[in-house]
Amino acid sequence: MGTAAGGKAYFQRCSLLWFTVIILSFGYYTWVVFWPQSIPYQSLGPLGLFSQYLVDHHHTLLRSGYWLAWLIHVGEALYAMVLCKG
């Protein structure tokens, strides 16, 4: 971890809450895109109903959005690596 003027660290670790939210969200998104037939939609309340609607009417958009999200995350990781080398 680098230090800025005054000895303060300029990279801070994200809270465990955000790590958990992001991992669970991407996990659920993966489940919806690749295995939509195995999701218990009625048990998930409004999220399940919304997910079922998206799977039934916009599955191509969901799949494209999934790969776009991964592409953006990989791109920002590579960009951060380039910035941190300097």
Protein backbone atom coordinates (compact mmCIF):
# COMPACT_ATOMS: atom_id res chain seq x y z
CA MET A 1 0.00 0.00 0.00
CA GLY A 2 1.38 3.40 -0.95
CA THR A 3 1.47 6.45 1.21
CA ALA A 4 0.52 9.99 0.34
CA ALA A 5 1.93 13.21 1.72
CA GLY A 6 1.61 13.25 5.46
CA GLY A 7 2.02 9.48 5.76
CA LYS A 8 -1.65 8.64 5.15
CA ALA A 9 -2.47 5.55 3.13
CA TYR A 10 -4.29 6.33 -0.10
CA PHE A 11 -5.70 2.83 -0.57
CA GLN A 12 -8.20 1.68 1.97
CA ARG A 13 -9.76 -1.72 2.31
CA CYS A 14 -13.48 -1.83 1.62
CA SER A 15 -15.76 -2.97 4.42
CA LEU A 16 -16.75 -6.61 4.68
CA LEU A 17 -20.38 -5.61 4.04
CA TRP A 18 -19.58 -4.34 0.53
CA PHE A 19 -17.47 -7.39 -0.31
CA THR A 20 -20.37 -9.61 0.73
CA VAL A 21 -23.00 -7.60 -1.17
CA ILE A 22 -20.96 -7.60 -4.38
CA ILE A 23 -20.10 -11.31 -4.23
CA LEU A 24 -23.70 -12.31 -3.50
CA SER A 25 -25.03 -10.00 -6.24
CA PHE A 26 -22.68 -11.39 -8.87
CA GLY A 27 -23.45 -14.91 -7.68
CA TYR A 28 -27.18 -14.34 -8.03
CA TYR A 29 -26.71 -12.67 -11.42
CA THR A 30 -24.68 -15.69 -12.59
CA TRP A 31 -27.41 -18.03 -11.33
CA VAL A 32 -30.12 -16.04 -13.15
CA VAL A 33 -28.19 -15.94 -16.43
CA PHE A 34 -26.96 -19.55 -16.61
CA TRP A 35 -29.42 -21.63 -14.53
CA PRO A 36 -32.75 -19.72 -14.52
CA GLN A 37 -34.82 -22.92 -14.38
CA SER A 38 -33.41 -23.82 -10.92
CA ILE A 39 -34.32 -20.55 -9.13
CA PRO A 40 -37.22 -20.67 -6.63
CA TYR A 41 -38.76 -17.39 -7.86
CA GLN A 42 -41.84 -17.50 -5.59
CA SER A 43 -39.66 -17.89 -2.49
CA LEU A 44 -37.68 -14.72 -3.21
CA GLY A 45 -40.56 -12.25 -3.05
CA PRO A 46 -40.31 -9.11 -5.21
CA LEU A 47 -36.73 -9.95 -6.26
CA GLY A 48 -37.90 -13.33 -7.53
CA LEU A 49 -40.81 -11.86 -9.46
CA PHE A 50 -38.58 -9.23 -11.04
CA SER A 51 -35.93 -11.83 -11.89
CA GLN A 52 -38.52 -14.12 -13.45
CA TYR A 53 -39.87 -11.25 -15.56
CA LEU A 54 -36.36 -10.42 -16.78
CA VAL A 55 -35.59 -14.06 -17.58
CA ASP A 56 -38.88 -14.53 -19.43
CA HIS A 57 -38.78 -11.31 -21.45
CA HIS A 58 -35.18 -10.06 -21.59
CA HIS A 59 -32.83 -13.04 -21.28
CA THR A 60 -30.59 -11.92 -24.15
CA LEU A 61 -30.19 -8.52 -22.49
CA LEU A 62 -29.39 -10.19 -19.15
CA ARG A 63 -26.70 -12.35 -20.76
CA SER A 64 -25.18 -9.39 -22.61
CA GLY A 65 -25.24 -7.29 -19.45
CA TYR A 66 -23.56 -10.09 -17.51
CA TRP A 67 -20.61 -10.25 -19.89
CA LEU A 68 -20.44 -6.45 -20.07
CA ALA A 69 -20.26 -6.25 -16.26
CA TRP A 70 -17.38 -8.74 -16.20
CA LEU A 71 -15.61 -6.89 -19.00
CA ILE A 72 -15.91 -3.60 -17.12
CA HIS A 73 -14.59 -5.15 -13.88
CA VAL A 74 -11.62 -6.76 -15.63
CA GLY A 75 -10.93 -3.48 -17.44
CA GLU A 76 -10.96 -1.45 -14.26
CA ALA A 77 -8.69 -4.00 -12.55
CA LEU A 78 -6.18 -3.78 -15.40
CA TYR A 79 -6.40 0.02 -15.35
CA ALA A 80 -5.76 0.05 -11.58
CA MET A 81 -2.71 -2.19 -12.09
CA VAL A 82 -1.32 0.21 -14.70
CA LEU A 83 -1.90 3.20 -12.41
CA CYS A 84 -0.30 1.49 -9.43
CA LYS A 85 2.90 0.60 -11.30
CA GLY A 86 3.86 4.26 -11.63
